Amino acid sequence: MHGNAIIVPVMHESRSEAHLSPSSDTQDSAEMSRLLAPRLAHFAGVARTEHVTRAAQEMGVPQSTLSRAMVRLEQDLGVELFARRGRTVSLTPAGRTFLGSVERALAEIERAAEEVRADADPATGKVAFGFLHTMGSETVPELIRAFRADHPRVRFSLVQTYGEAMLERLRSGELDLCLTSPVPDAPDLVGRRLDEQKLRLVVPADHRLAGRRRIRLAEAADETFVTLEPGYGLRRITDAVCREAGFKPRVAFEGEEAETLRGLVAAGLGVALLPPPAFARPGVVELTVTAPRAVREIGVAWLDGHPDTPPVAAFKKFLLSRRGHLLPE
């Protein structure tokens, strides 16, 4: 899920004193970090043993290589870290100060390495999974329950948001997979259609159309609509279906969540095109739209070329196996 930077040791014998100037800018600091990083573990090993030969044996590197690395480290810093007596060394006050920070840095690197190894573990690893708000009350809990029947210890980091935000999180590496609508068509993403969901025209219980079971959407052309905000997939579908029916919806309220829209409809503030609710909501009537075809596709998406950890690969395979029966009946 996350890329790991590979730090390549730089083998020059000396460095410019410009790195030591109080006027060094951010670029100089970044360059200094690149120079120092490969030598920190070597420095900690020598500081711990206070003996270059013994440290070289413990770390499996030639003693001469380790000695040169410590000299270069001091040159790059512009301070003496060790007081030398043959191959025996002791830390200077500057060296002791530096060691404290180096040990904390190495411990943090070790912690990060353990975390990414744990996240990639086939049995107990983690899946960062995003999904639409309308999938959260029923569909996603059922999917995870079914998946964990065979993978009981896999962990999930769950994110509920709208489609465009999920795709950006995929691109940034914050998510491994997401359930979204519409299925994305972008060169850097892979999208697979899993299912489709019929949309209904939701009207107040005392509305003139509430006694109907079915409706052609054109019959609601004069109604006031409540919709999701622009940028939401369901909003784009609503606009497109209404356009196909021959009208542009008059939008009175825009929200961020489908059940909030149902509440607005129940309050008599408009009508809405929405997917079926997990539970029946009092105060509204939901009509089947016979024309035009009012559906939204639900698909799974991931970043193209992004390597999967074993738990992510297993969950992706599971989702693809649910094609055609992803949603509750």
Foldseek 3Di string as FASTA:
>chain_A
DDDDDDQDADPDQADDCLLQDPPDDPVSVVVLCSHCVVCLVLLLLCAVVQFLVVSCVVVVHDSVVSVSSQVRNCRSNVHDQWDDDPRGTYGDPVVVVVNVVSVVVVVVVVVVVVLVVQLLDLQAHEAEEEEEQQCPPPQVVVLVVVLCVVRVRYYYRYHYFADVVVVVCQVVVVHAKYKYWPFDDDPFKDKDFFEKFAWWKKAFCPDPCNVDAEDACLVCQVWEEEEADPPGRQVVLVQVQVVQSPHGHHYDYHHGHDVVRNVCRLVVNTIYTGTDHPDDDPGMHTHGHPPDGRMIIIIMMHGPPDDDRNNSVSSVVSSNVNRHPSDDD
